[in-house]
Structure formats: structure tokens, C-alpha cells
Amino acid sequence: MKTLIKICGIKDLAEAGMAIKNGADILGFNLVKTSKRYIEPKVAKNIIKKIDRRKVEIAGVFQNEEKEKDIEITDFLKLDLVQLHGEEEPEIYRRLKTKIIKVFPVERDFDVDKLLLEMKQSKADFYLLDRRNQGSGERIDVEKARRVAEKFSLFLAGGLNPENVKKVVEKVKPYAVDVASGVESGGRKDMLKIQKFIRMVRSIS
């Protein structure tokens, strides 16, 4: 099964079009108000309604928002996936009838056995590994990530870019890779970087 590609932090229709044209499987819209990639739900809605939903799934990123607000926004945007970055319990979101990605931020030298137990208890549909220290430049330990990917449907993020993603995917074999800053230049999505990132992932048989 091919590794899926999620391009996160979409801010406008041009970025969405770029990602879809080059073969992204999932578009991520950041709905966390404190994030530099935050997008207002009404703006996201205007983008999403112009997208061919047969070609791509739509994910919404949330973090410690009020549950009812999350549900309201999810329904408003008709999201396919809800990505939970905070202390939210996936079970309480079941009424959303969407797939749930639970994020686990980790240190480079994380305890993989402890993490696997936490994931088993959380009962999400998918799990996303990301660096606890954003912007550090460090990637997650690929051998430990591989062990997680053997047990769960894993989205892998953190420090991925067009230059390193092929080697990482070959070693980890995740369900999906998730990228935002790794395909940006000057804070905006870069067509050439998106093209190369997706080409590198797709080149793996």
C-alpha cells in the first residue's frame, strides 16, 4: 500500500490547487488560533467548496478547543478527518462520524514501549508522531518510528522535506507523511518543493 501524503497548513485556494494538482491525498487546515498557519473556518469553507472532494480528503487541525466548538466547525467544513493536538480524548468525538488522528508529540529519544501503550489506550483511528520541540530541525528517531508504524496506522511528521522524505519513508513505512514548513519558502507553499516532495514519496515502490 502506498504511503499517503498530507499537505498541512493550507491558507488559500492556490496552495490547495498546487497540492491537489501534484497528487496530495489529504489537505490540512489549521484551526488552532495560536498557530501561524491558522485559517478562519469561513475562509477554509470558501476554499473547500471549490475543491473536488473526490480527489482529496480534508483534515481539520484542533488543539484544546471546546469540544462543542470543534464539532460545530467539523460539521461546518464537512471534514473527513479531525486531527487532535491537545489533551482531547478521541472517544468523546465519536459523534463527529469522522476519522480521528491523535497527535503524539515526542522527544527524539522517546520511550517507544510507553508510547505504544498510550496509543493503544487512546482508541483513535490514526496516530501522528511529531517533534515536541517545533523548529528544532531534529527528526524523530526513524527506528522507533518504524516500530510504531508496524503496530498502528501512523502519520509521520517533523522535519520532513523533499531531500529526506524518501529515505525516511523507506525505513519507517508509515501510513502517511505530513508536511507543512518542509514544502514552504518564506512562509508560503512552494510549488517546486511540493512537486519534489510528492515525487520522492511516489518513487518508492
N, C-alpha and C. Protein backbone atom coordinates (compact mmCIF):
# COMPACT_ATOMS: atom_id res chain seq x y z
N MET A 1 0.84 -1.20 0.00
CA MET A 1 0.00 0.00 0.00
C MET A 1 0.87 1.24 0.00
N LYS A 2 0.51 2.20 -0.84
CA LYS A 2 1.32 3.41 -0.93
C LYS A 2 1.18 4.25 0.33
N THR A 3 2.23 5.01 0.63
CA THR A 3 2.18 5.97 1.73
C THR A 3 1.41 7.21 1.27
N LEU A 4 0.40 7.59 2.04
CA LEU A 4 -0.37 8.78 1.70
C LEU A 4 0.39 10.05 2.05
N ILE A 5 -0.01 11.14 1.41
CA ILE A 5 0.68 12.42 1.60
C ILE A 5 -0.31 13.48 2.04
N LYS A 6 -0.02 14.08 3.20
CA LYS A 6 -0.86 15.16 3.73
C LYS A 6 -0.06 16.46 3.68
N ILE A 7 -0.60 17.43 2.98
CA ILE A 7 0.00 18.76 2.94
C ILE A 7 -0.79 19.63 3.91
N CYS A 8 -0.14 20.09 4.96
CA CYS A 8 -0.85 20.78 6.03
C CYS A 8 -0.56 22.28 6.01
N GLY A 9 -1.48 23.03 6.65
CA GLY A 9 -1.31 24.48 6.73
C GLY A 9 -1.74 25.20 5.48
N ILE A 10 -2.72 24.67 4.77
CA ILE A 10 -3.24 25.31 3.55
C ILE A 10 -3.88 26.64 3.94
N LYS A 11 -3.51 27.70 3.20
CA LYS A 11 -4.02 29.04 3.54
C LYS A 11 -4.91 29.65 2.47
N ASP A 12 -4.81 29.16 1.23
CA ASP A 12 -5.63 29.75 0.17
C ASP A 12 -5.86 28.73 -0.94
N LEU A 13 -6.69 29.11 -1.89
CA LEU A 13 -7.07 28.19 -2.97
C LEU A 13 -5.88 27.83 -3.85
N ALA A 14 -4.95 28.77 -4.04
CA ALA A 14 -3.78 28.48 -4.87
C ALA A 14 -2.94 27.36 -4.25
N GLU A 15 -2.75 27.42 -2.93
CA GLU A 15 -1.99 26.37 -2.26
C GLU A 15 -2.71 25.04 -2.34
N ALA A 16 -4.01 25.07 -2.16
CA ALA A 16 -4.80 23.83 -2.26
C ALA A 16 -4.69 23.25 -3.66
N GLY A 17 -4.81 24.11 -4.66
CA GLY A 17 -4.71 23.65 -6.05
C GLY A 17 -3.36 23.05 -6.37
N MET A 18 -2.31 23.68 -5.86
CA MET A 18 -0.95 23.18 -6.05
C MET A 18 -0.82 21.76 -5.52
N ALA A 19 -1.29 21.56 -4.29
CA ALA A 19 -1.17 20.26 -3.63
C ALA A 19 -1.96 19.19 -4.38
N ILE A 20 -3.20 19.53 -4.76
CA ILE A 20 -4.06 18.56 -5.45
C ILE A 20 -3.49 18.22 -6.82
N LYS A 21 -3.06 19.23 -7.56
CA LYS A 21 -2.51 19.02 -8.90
C LYS A 21 -1.33 18.06 -8.88
N ASN A 22 -0.54 18.13 -7.82
CA ASN A 22 0.65 17.30 -7.75
C ASN A 22 0.41 15.94 -7.07
N GLY A 23 -0.84 15.70 -6.63
CA GLY A 23 -1.17 14.36 -6.16
C GLY A 23 -1.26 14.16 -4.67
N ALA A 24 -1.42 15.24 -3.89
CA ALA A 24 -1.60 15.08 -2.44
C ALA A 24 -2.89 14.31 -2.17
N ASP A 25 -2.89 13.53 -1.11
CA ASP A 25 -4.06 12.74 -0.75
C ASP A 25 -4.95 13.45 0.27
N ILE A 26 -4.34 14.29 1.10
CA ILE A 26 -5.06 14.95 2.19
C ILE A 26 -4.57 16.40 2.29
N LEU A 27 -5.51 17.33 2.45
CA LEU A 27 -5.18 18.73 2.73
C LEU A 27 -5.52 19.01 4.18
N GLY A 28 -4.59 19.67 4.89
CA GLY A 28 -4.82 20.01 6.28
C GLY A 28 -5.05 21.50 6.46
N PHE A 29 -6.10 21.84 7.20
CA PHE A 29 -6.42 23.24 7.52
C PHE A 29 -6.23 23.42 9.02
N ASN A 30 -5.37 24.37 9.39
CA ASN A 30 -5.03 24.58 10.79
C ASN A 30 -6.04 25.51 11.44
N LEU A 31 -6.80 24.99 12.36
CA LEU A 31 -7.87 25.73 13.02
C LEU A 31 -7.52 26.09 14.46
N VAL A 32 -6.20 26.09 14.75
CA VAL A 32 -5.70 26.47 16.07
C VAL A 32 -5.33 27.94 16.04
N LYS A 33 -6.04 28.75 16.80
CA LYS A 33 -5.91 30.21 16.68
C LYS A 33 -4.52 30.73 17.00
N THR A 34 -3.76 30.01 17.81
CA THR A 34 -2.42 30.47 18.17
C THR A 34 -1.36 30.10 17.13
N SER A 35 -1.74 29.33 16.13
CA SER A 35 -0.78 28.89 15.12
C SER A 35 -0.58 29.95 14.05
N LYS A 36 0.65 30.04 13.54
CA LYS A 36 0.93 30.98 12.46
C LYS A 36 0.25 30.55 11.16
N ARG A 37 -0.21 29.32 11.11
CA ARG A 37 -0.92 28.84 9.91
C ARG A 37 -2.44 28.80 10.12
N TYR A 38 -2.90 29.47 11.16
CA TYR A 38 -4.34 29.48 11.45
C TYR A 38 -5.13 30.03 10.27
N ILE A 39 -6.25 29.39 10.01
CA ILE A 39 -7.16 29.87 8.98
C ILE A 39 -8.57 29.92 9.57
N GLU A 40 -9.27 31.00 9.35
CA GLU A 40 -10.63 31.13 9.86
C GLU A 40 -11.53 30.11 9.16
N PRO A 41 -12.44 29.50 9.90
CA PRO A 41 -13.32 28.50 9.29
C PRO A 41 -14.06 29.00 8.05
N LYS A 42 -14.51 30.26 8.05
CA LYS A 42 -15.23 30.78 6.89
C LYS A 42 -14.32 30.84 5.66
N VAL A 43 -13.06 31.18 5.88
CA VAL A 43 -12.10 31.23 4.77
C VAL A 43 -11.83 29.81 4.27
N ALA A 44 -11.64 28.89 5.21
CA ALA A 44 -11.43 27.49 4.84
C ALA A 44 -12.62 26.95 4.05
N LYS A 45 -13.81 27.32 4.48
CA LYS A 45 -15.03 26.86 3.80
C LYS A 45 -15.05 27.31 2.34
N ASN A 46 -14.66 28.56 2.10
CA ASN A 46 -14.66 29.08 0.73
C ASN A 46 -13.66 28.35 -0.16
N ILE A 47 -12.57 27.88 0.44
CA ILE A 47 -11.59 27.11 -0.31
C ILE A 47 -12.12 25.69 -0.57
N ILE A 48 -12.61 25.07 0.48
CA ILE A 48 -13.04 23.67 0.40
C ILE A 48 -14.18 23.47 -0.59
N LYS A 49 -15.10 24.44 -0.65
CA LYS A 49 -16.24 24.27 -1.55
C LYS A 49 -15.84 24.34 -3.02
N LYS A 50 -14.63 24.80 -3.30
CA LYS A 50 -14.14 24.88 -4.67
C LYS A 50 -13.23 23.71 -5.03
N ILE A 51 -13.07 22.79 -4.10
CA ILE A 51 -12.21 21.63 -4.29
C ILE A 51 -13.04 20.42 -4.70
N ASP A 52 -12.49 19.62 -5.60
CA ASP A 52 -13.14 18.35 -5.97
C ASP A 52 -12.86 17.35 -4.86
N ARG A 53 -13.86 17.10 -4.03
CA ARG A 53 -13.67 16.24 -2.86
C ARG A 53 -13.46 14.77 -3.24
N ARG A 54 -13.65 14.44 -4.50
CA ARG A 54 -13.36 13.07 -4.93
C ARG A 54 -11.87 12.83 -5.06
N LYS A 55 -11.10 13.90 -5.14
CA LYS A 55 -9.66 13.78 -5.36
C LYS A 55 -8.84 13.84 -4.08
N VAL A 56 -9.41 14.39 -3.02
CA VAL A 56 -8.61 14.64 -1.82
C VAL A 56 -9.50 14.63 -0.59
N GLU A 57 -8.92 14.21 0.54
CA GLU A 57 -9.63 14.30 1.81
C GLU A 57 -9.24 15.59 2.52
N ILE A 58 -10.12 16.05 3.41
CA ILE A 58 -9.88 17.30 4.12
C ILE A 58 -9.77 17.02 5.61
N ALA A 59 -8.67 17.51 6.21
CA ALA A 59 -8.45 17.35 7.64
C ALA A 59 -8.47 18.72 8.32
N GLY A 60 -9.03 18.75 9.51
CA GLY A 60 -9.02 19.95 10.33
C GLY A 60 -8.18 19.72 11.56
N VAL A 61 -7.29 20.66 11.85
CA VAL A 61 -6.38 20.54 12.99
C VAL A 61 -6.92 21.35 14.17
N PHE A 62 -7.08 20.69 15.33
CA PHE A 62 -7.60 21.33 16.53
C PHE A 62 -6.65 21.11 17.70
N GLN A 63 -6.70 22.02 18.66
CA GLN A 63 -5.89 21.85 19.88
C GLN A 63 -6.59 22.48 21.08
N ASN A 64 -7.07 21.62 21.96
CA ASN A 64 -7.68 22.06 23.22
C ASN A 64 -8.78 23.11 23.04
N GLU A 65 -9.49 23.01 21.94
CA GLU A 65 -10.66 23.86 21.73
C GLU A 65 -11.84 23.23 22.47
N GLU A 66 -12.85 24.01 22.78
CA GLU A 66 -14.04 23.45 23.39
C GLU A 66 -14.63 22.40 22.46
N LYS A 67 -15.01 21.27 23.05
CA LYS A 67 -15.50 20.15 22.24
C LYS A 67 -16.64 20.58 21.31
N GLU A 68 -17.59 21.31 21.84
CA GLU A 68 -18.74 21.71 21.03
C GLU A 68 -18.31 22.60 19.87
N LYS A 69 -17.27 23.41 20.09
CA LYS A 69 -16.77 24.27 19.01
C LYS A 69 -16.12 23.42 17.93
N ASP A 70 -15.36 22.44 18.35
CA ASP A 70 -14.74 21.51 17.39
C ASP A 70 -15.81 20.85 16.52
N ILE A 71 -16.86 20.37 17.18
CA ILE A 71 -17.92 19.67 16.48
C ILE A 71 -18.64 20.60 15.51
N GLU A 72 -18.87 21.83 15.96
CA GLU A 72 -19.54 22.82 15.11
C GLU A 72 -18.72 23.11 13.85
N ILE A 73 -17.40 23.30 14.02
CA ILE A 73 -16.52 23.60 12.88
C ILE A 73 -16.40 22.39 11.97
N THR A 74 -16.30 21.20 12.56
CA THR A 74 -16.20 19.97 11.76
C THR A 74 -17.42 19.80 10.87
N ASP A 75 -18.59 20.02 11.42
CA ASP A 75 -19.82 19.92 10.63
C ASP A 75 -19.87 21.01 9.56
N PHE A 76 -19.46 22.21 9.94
CA PHE A 76 -19.49 23.36 9.02
C PHE A 76 -18.60 23.11 7.80
N LEU A 77 -17.43 22.53 8.03
CA LEU A 77 -16.47 22.30 6.95
C LEU A 77 -16.64 20.92 6.30
N LYS A 78 -17.49 20.08 6.89
CA LYS A 78 -17.68 18.71 6.39
C LYS A 78 -16.34 17.99 6.27
N LEU A 79 -15.60 18.00 7.36
CA LEU A 79 -14.27 17.40 7.38
C LEU A 79 -14.32 15.88 7.27
N ASP A 80 -13.28 15.33 6.64
CA ASP A 80 -13.12 13.88 6.57
C ASP A 80 -12.34 13.35 7.77
N LEU A 81 -11.42 14.19 8.26
CA LEU A 81 -10.56 13.80 9.37
C LEU A 81 -10.45 14.95 10.37
N VAL A 82 -10.41 14.59 11.65
CA VAL A 82 -10.18 15.55 12.72
C VAL A 82 -8.85 15.20 13.38
N GLN A 83 -7.94 16.17 13.42
CA GLN A 83 -6.61 15.95 13.98
C GLN A 83 -6.53 16.66 15.33
N LEU A 84 -6.34 15.89 16.39
CA LEU A 84 -6.37 16.42 17.75
C LEU A 84 -4.95 16.55 18.31
N HIS A 85 -4.54 17.79 18.58
CA HIS A 85 -3.18 18.06 19.04
C HIS A 85 -3.07 18.25 20.54
N GLY A 86 -4.21 18.33 21.24
CA GLY A 86 -4.16 18.66 22.65
C GLY A 86 -4.44 17.47 23.55
N GLU A 87 -5.15 17.75 24.64
CA GLU A 87 -5.47 16.72 25.63
C GLU A 87 -6.82 16.06 25.36
N GLU A 88 -7.37 16.31 24.19
CA GLU A 88 -8.70 15.78 23.87
C GLU A 88 -8.69 14.24 23.87
N GLU A 89 -9.77 13.66 24.33
CA GLU A 89 -9.93 12.21 24.29
C GLU A 89 -10.70 11.83 23.02
N PRO A 90 -10.11 11.02 22.15
CA PRO A 90 -10.77 10.68 20.89
C PRO A 90 -12.17 10.11 21.05
N GLU A 91 -12.42 9.38 22.16
CA GLU A 91 -13.73 8.74 22.33
C GLU A 91 -14.88 9.74 22.33
N ILE A 92 -14.64 10.94 22.89
CA ILE A 92 -15.73 11.90 23.01
C ILE A 92 -16.06 12.57 21.68
N TYR A 93 -15.26 12.28 20.67
CA TYR A 93 -15.51 12.88 19.36
C TYR A 93 -16.22 11.91 18.41
N ARG A 94 -16.64 10.77 18.90
CA ARG A 94 -17.22 9.76 18.02
C ARG A 94 -18.47 10.24 17.31
N ARG A 95 -19.18 11.16 17.93
CA ARG A 95 -20.41 11.63 17.28
C ARG A 95 -20.11 12.44 16.02
N LEU A 96 -18.84 12.79 15.81
CA LEU A 96 -18.47 13.52 14.60
C LEU A 96 -18.63 12.67 13.35
N LYS A 97 -18.52 11.36 13.53
CA LYS A 97 -18.56 10.43 12.40
C LYS A 97 -17.47 10.72 11.37
N THR A 98 -16.34 11.22 11.86
CA THR A 98 -15.16 11.41 11.01
C THR A 98 -14.05 10.51 11.56
N LYS A 99 -13.03 10.31 10.75
CA LYS A 99 -11.86 9.60 11.24
C LYS A 99 -11.04 10.55 12.11
N ILE A 100 -10.41 10.00 13.14
CA ILE A 100 -9.69 10.82 14.11
C ILE A 100 -8.21 10.49 14.10
N ILE A 101 -7.39 11.54 13.99
CA ILE A 101 -5.93 11.43 14.08
C ILE A 101 -5.53 12.02 15.43
N LYS A 102 -4.95 11.21 16.29
CA LYS A 102 -4.47 11.70 17.58
C LYS A 102 -2.97 11.95 17.50
N VAL A 103 -2.57 13.15 17.85
CA VAL A 103 -1.16 13.55 17.74
C VAL A 103 -0.41 13.25 19.03
N PHE A 104 0.78 12.68 18.87
CA PHE A 104 1.67 12.43 20.00
C PHE A 104 2.99 13.15 19.75
N PRO A 105 3.20 14.30 20.40
CA PRO A 105 4.49 14.99 20.28
C PRO A 105 5.53 14.28 21.14
N VAL A 106 6.69 14.03 20.58
CA VAL A 106 7.70 13.24 21.31
C VAL A 106 9.08 13.90 21.23
N GLU A 107 9.90 13.56 22.19
CA GLU A 107 11.33 13.90 22.14
C GLU A 107 12.01 12.91 21.19
N ARG A 108 13.21 13.26 20.77
CA ARG A 108 13.92 12.35 19.85
C ARG A 108 14.16 10.99 20.49
N ASP A 109 14.46 10.98 21.78
CA ASP A 109 14.80 9.71 22.45
C ASP A 109 13.61 9.19 23.25
N PHE A 110 12.39 9.27 22.67
CA PHE A 110 11.20 8.86 23.40
C PHE A 110 11.18 7.37 23.70
N ASP A 111 10.43 7.02 24.75
CA ASP A 111 10.27 5.63 25.17
C ASP A 111 9.20 4.99 24.28
N VAL A 112 9.60 4.18 23.34
CA VAL A 112 8.67 3.66 22.34
C VAL A 112 7.66 2.69 22.95
N ASP A 113 8.06 1.91 23.93
CA ASP A 113 7.11 0.96 24.54
C ASP A 113 6.02 1.70 25.31
N LYS A 114 6.40 2.75 26.01
CA LYS A 114 5.42 3.57 26.73
C LYS A 114 4.47 4.24 25.75
N LEU A 115 5.01 4.72 24.64
CA LEU A 115 4.18 5.38 23.64
C LEU A 115 3.18 4.40 23.02
N LEU A 116 3.62 3.21 22.72
CA LEU A 116 2.72 2.21 22.13
C LEU A 116 1.56 1.90 23.06
N LEU A 117 1.82 1.86 24.36
CA LEU A 117 0.76 1.61 25.33
C LEU A 117 -0.23 2.77 25.35
N GLU A 118 0.28 4.00 25.30
CA GLU A 118 -0.58 5.18 25.30
C GLU A 118 -1.46 5.20 24.05
N MET A 119 -0.89 4.83 22.92
CA MET A 119 -1.65 4.80 21.68
C MET A 119 -2.76 3.75 21.73
N LYS A 120 -2.43 2.60 22.27
CA LYS A 120 -3.42 1.53 22.38
C LYS A 120 -4.61 1.96 23.22
N GLN A 121 -4.36 2.76 24.24
CA GLN A 121 -5.41 3.21 25.15
C GLN A 121 -6.25 4.35 24.57
N SER A 122 -5.70 5.08 23.60
CA SER A 122 -6.40 6.28 23.11
C SER A 122 -7.51 5.98 22.11
N LYS A 123 -7.45 4.86 21.43
CA LYS A 123 -8.53 4.40 20.55
C LYS A 123 -8.87 5.38 19.42
N ALA A 124 -7.87 5.99 18.84
CA ALA A 124 -8.08 6.82 17.66
C ALA A 124 -8.01 5.94 16.41
N ASP A 125 -8.33 6.52 15.26
CA ASP A 125 -8.23 5.77 14.00
C ASP A 125 -6.80 5.77 13.49
N PHE A 126 -6.13 6.91 13.68
CA PHE A 126 -4.75 7.08 13.23
C PHE A 126 -3.97 7.80 14.32
N TYR A 127 -2.64 7.67 14.23
CA TYR A 127 -1.77 8.34 15.19
C TYR A 127 -0.71 9.13 14.43
N LEU A 128 -0.39 10.30 14.94
CA LEU A 128 0.59 11.15 14.28
C LEU A 128 1.74 11.42 15.23
N LEU A 129 2.94 11.11 14.80
CA LEU A 129 4.15 11.41 15.56
C LEU A 129 4.74 12.71 15.05
N ASP A 130 5.01 13.63 15.98
CA ASP A 130 5.65 14.90 15.62
C ASP A 130 6.64 15.26 16.72
N ARG A 131 7.56 16.15 16.40
CA ARG A 131 8.53 16.60 17.40
C ARG A 131 7.85 17.45 18.47
N ARG A 132 8.27 17.25 19.71
CA ARG A 132 7.75 18.11 20.77
C ARG A 132 8.28 19.53 20.61
N ASN A 133 9.55 19.64 20.22
CA ASN A 133 10.18 20.96 20.05
C ASN A 133 10.14 21.35 18.58
N GLN A 134 9.11 22.09 18.20
CA GLN A 134 8.96 22.51 16.82
C GLN A 134 10.10 23.46 16.43
N GLY A 135 10.55 23.32 15.18
CA GLY A 135 11.59 24.22 14.68
C GLY A 135 12.99 23.86 15.12
N SER A 136 13.15 22.73 15.81
CA SER A 136 14.47 22.34 16.30
C SER A 136 15.35 21.78 15.19
N GLY A 137 14.71 21.38 14.08
CA GLY A 137 15.48 20.80 12.97
C GLY A 137 15.72 19.31 13.13
N GLU A 138 15.49 18.78 14.34
CA GLU A 138 15.70 17.36 14.57
C GLU A 138 14.53 16.54 14.05
N ARG A 139 14.84 15.38 13.49
CA ARG A 139 13.79 14.46 13.09
C ARG A 139 13.59 13.42 14.17
N ILE A 140 12.45 12.79 14.11
CA ILE A 140 12.14 11.72 15.05
C ILE A 140 13.00 10.50 14.72
N ASP A 141 13.41 9.76 15.73
CA ASP A 141 14.21 8.55 15.56
C ASP A 141 13.46 7.59 14.63
N VAL A 142 14.05 7.31 13.47
CA VAL A 142 13.33 6.54 12.46
C VAL A 142 13.13 5.07 12.86
N GLU A 143 14.05 4.53 13.62
CA GLU A 143 13.89 3.14 14.04
C GLU A 143 12.73 2.99 15.02
N LYS A 144 12.60 3.94 15.92
CA LYS A 144 11.48 3.91 16.86
C LYS A 144 10.16 4.18 16.13
N ALA A 145 10.21 5.10 15.18
CA ALA A 145 9.01 5.39 14.39
C ALA A 145 8.58 4.15 13.60
N ARG A 146 9.54 3.39 13.10
CA ARG A 146 9.23 2.16 12.35
C ARG A 146 8.50 1.17 13.24
N ARG A 147 8.89 1.06 14.49
CA ARG A 147 8.23 0.15 15.42
C ARG A 147 6.77 0.57 15.65
N VAL A 148 6.55 1.88 15.71
CA VAL A 148 5.19 2.37 15.88
C VAL A 148 4.37 2.07 14.63
N ALA A 149 4.96 2.30 13.46
CA ALA A 149 4.26 2.08 12.19
C ALA A 149 3.91 0.61 11.97
N GLU A 150 4.65 -0.29 12.59
CA GLU A 150 4.35 -1.72 12.49
C GLU A 150 3.08 -2.08 13.26
N LYS A 151 2.73 -1.27 14.25
CA LYS A 151 1.60 -1.57 15.14
C LYS A 151 0.34 -0.77 14.80
N PHE A 152 0.53 0.47 14.32
CA PHE A 152 -0.60 1.37 14.13
C PHE A 152 -0.51 2.08 12.78
N SER A 153 -1.65 2.61 12.34
CA SER A 153 -1.68 3.42 11.11
C SER A 153 -1.10 4.79 11.46
N LEU A 154 0.15 4.99 11.07
CA LEU A 154 0.93 6.13 11.54
C LEU A 154 1.09 7.23 10.50
N PHE A 155 0.74 8.45 10.90
CA PHE A 155 1.11 9.65 10.16
C PHE A 155 2.44 10.11 10.76
N LEU A 156 3.43 10.33 9.92
CA LEU A 156 4.74 10.77 10.41
C LEU A 156 4.99 12.21 9.97
N ALA A 157 5.34 13.06 10.93
CA ALA A 157 5.63 14.47 10.66
C ALA A 157 6.96 14.81 11.33
N GLY A 158 7.33 16.08 11.25
CA GLY A 158 8.51 16.53 11.98
C GLY A 158 9.78 16.52 11.17
N GLY A 159 10.13 17.68 10.60
CA GLY A 159 11.40 17.81 9.91
C GLY A 159 11.47 17.17 8.54
N LEU A 160 10.35 16.78 7.99
CA LEU A 160 10.36 16.16 6.66
C LEU A 160 10.45 17.23 5.58
N ASN A 161 11.18 16.92 4.52
CA ASN A 161 11.31 17.84 3.39
C ASN A 161 11.62 17.02 2.14
N PRO A 162 11.68 17.66 0.97
CA PRO A 162 11.91 16.90 -0.27
C PRO A 162 13.24 16.13 -0.28
N GLU A 163 14.22 16.60 0.48
CA GLU A 163 15.53 15.97 0.46
C GLU A 163 15.60 14.70 1.32
N ASN A 164 14.80 14.63 2.38
CA ASN A 164 14.95 13.49 3.28
C ASN A 164 13.76 12.53 3.30
N VAL A 165 12.63 12.93 2.70
CA VAL A 165 11.42 12.14 2.88
C VAL A 165 11.51 10.74 2.28
N LYS A 166 12.18 10.58 1.17
CA LYS A 166 12.26 9.26 0.54
C LYS A 166 12.96 8.26 1.47
N LYS A 167 14.09 8.67 2.01
CA LYS A 167 14.83 7.76 2.89
C LYS A 167 14.03 7.43 4.15
N VAL A 168 13.35 8.44 4.70
CA VAL A 168 12.56 8.22 5.91
C VAL A 168 11.41 7.25 5.64
N VAL A 169 10.70 7.45 4.54
CA VAL A 169 9.56 6.57 4.21
C VAL A 169 10.04 5.14 3.95
N GLU A 170 11.16 5.00 3.28
CA GLU A 170 11.70 3.66 3.02
C GLU A 170 11.98 2.90 4.32
N LYS A 171 12.46 3.63 5.33
CA LYS A 171 12.82 3.00 6.60
C LYS A 171 11.61 2.78 7.51
N VAL A 172 10.72 3.77 7.58
CA VAL A 172 9.62 3.72 8.55
C VAL A 172 8.39 3.00 7.99
N LYS A 173 8.13 3.21 6.69
CA LYS A 173 6.92 2.67 6.04
C LYS A 173 5.64 3.12 6.75
N PRO A 174 5.47 4.44 6.92
CA PRO A 174 4.27 4.93 7.60
C PRO A 174 3.04 4.86 6.72
N TYR A 175 1.88 4.94 7.35
CA TYR A 175 0.62 5.01 6.61
C TYR A 175 0.58 6.30 5.79
N ALA A 176 1.09 7.39 6.38
CA ALA A 176 1.07 8.69 5.71
C ALA A 176 2.21 9.56 6.22
N VAL A 177 2.62 10.52 5.40
CA VAL A 177 3.55 11.55 5.84
C VAL A 177 2.82 12.88 5.85
N ASP A 178 3.22 13.76 6.76
CA ASP A 178 2.54 15.03 6.99
C ASP A 178 3.59 16.14 6.94
N VAL A 179 3.38 17.11 6.07
CA VAL A 179 4.39 18.16 5.90
C VAL A 179 3.73 19.53 5.80
N ALA A 180 4.38 20.53 6.36
CA ALA A 180 3.93 21.93 6.24
C ALA A 180 5.14 22.79 5.87
N SER A 181 5.98 23.11 6.86
CA SER A 181 7.11 24.00 6.60
C SER A 181 8.12 23.41 5.62
N GLY A 182 8.18 22.09 5.54
CA GLY A 182 9.14 21.45 4.64
C GLY A 182 8.87 21.68 3.17
N VAL A 183 7.67 22.18 2.83
CA VAL A 183 7.36 22.50 1.43
C VAL A 183 7.01 23.98 1.30
N GLU A 184 7.61 24.80 2.16
CA GLU A 184 7.35 26.23 2.12
C GLU A 184 8.63 27.02 1.85
N SER A 185 8.46 28.20 1.30
CA SER A 185 9.52 29.19 1.15
C SER A 185 8.94 30.53 1.58
N GLY A 186 9.58 31.14 2.55
CA GLY A 186 9.08 32.43 3.03
C GLY A 186 7.70 32.35 3.65
N GLY A 187 7.39 31.19 4.25
CA GLY A 187 6.11 31.04 4.92
C GLY A 187 4.94 30.70 4.02
N ARG A 188 5.18 30.51 2.73
CA ARG A 188 4.12 30.15 1.79
C ARG A 188 4.48 28.84 1.10
N LYS A 189 3.46 28.11 0.67
CA LYS A 189 3.71 26.85 -0.02
C LYS A 189 4.46 27.11 -1.32
N ASP A 190 5.43 26.26 -1.60
CA ASP A 190 6.32 26.39 -2.75
C ASP A 190 6.01 25.25 -3.74
N MET A 191 5.58 25.61 -4.93
CA MET A 191 5.18 24.62 -5.94
C MET A 191 6.29 23.60 -6.20
N LEU A 192 7.52 24.07 -6.38
CA LEU A 192 8.61 23.15 -6.70
C LEU A 192 8.90 22.19 -5.55
N LYS A 193 8.81 22.69 -4.33
CA LYS A 193 9.05 21.83 -3.18
C LYS A 193 7.94 20.80 -3.02
N ILE A 194 6.70 21.22 -3.25
CA ILE A 194 5.58 20.27 -3.20
C ILE A 194 5.76 19.19 -4.26
N GLN A 195 6.09 19.61 -5.46
CA GLN A 195 6.30 18.65 -6.56
C GLN A 195 7.37 17.63 -6.20
N LYS A 196 8.50 18.11 -5.70
CA LYS A 196 9.61 17.21 -5.40
C LYS A 196 9.26 16.31 -4.22
N PHE A 197 8.63 16.86 -3.20
CA PHE A 197 8.25 16.07 -2.02
C PHE A 197 7.36 14.90 -2.42
N ILE A 198 6.33 15.21 -3.19
CA ILE A 198 5.40 14.15 -3.61
C ILE A 198 6.07 13.17 -4.55
N ARG A 199 6.89 13.67 -5.44
CA ARG A 199 7.61 12.78 -6.38
C ARG A 199 8.52 11.80 -5.63
N MET A 200 9.20 12.28 -4.58
CA MET A 200 10.08 11.43 -3.80
C MET A 200 9.30 10.31 -3.10
N VAL A 201 8.15 10.66 -2.55
CA VAL A 201 7.34 9.63 -1.86
C VAL A 201 6.79 8.63 -2.88
N ARG A 202 6.31 9.14 -4.00
CA ARG A 202 5.72 8.25 -5.01
C ARG A 202 6.75 7.36 -5.70
N SER A 203 8.02 7.75 -5.63
CA SER A 203 9.06 6.96 -6.30
C SER A 203 9.36 5.64 -5.59
N ILE A 204 8.83 5.50 -4.37
CA ILE A 204 9.06 4.28 -3.60
C ILE A 204 8.02 3.23 -4.00
N SER A 205 8.49 2.10 -4.47
CA SER A 205 7.57 1.04 -4.93
C SER A 205 7.09 0.22 -3.75
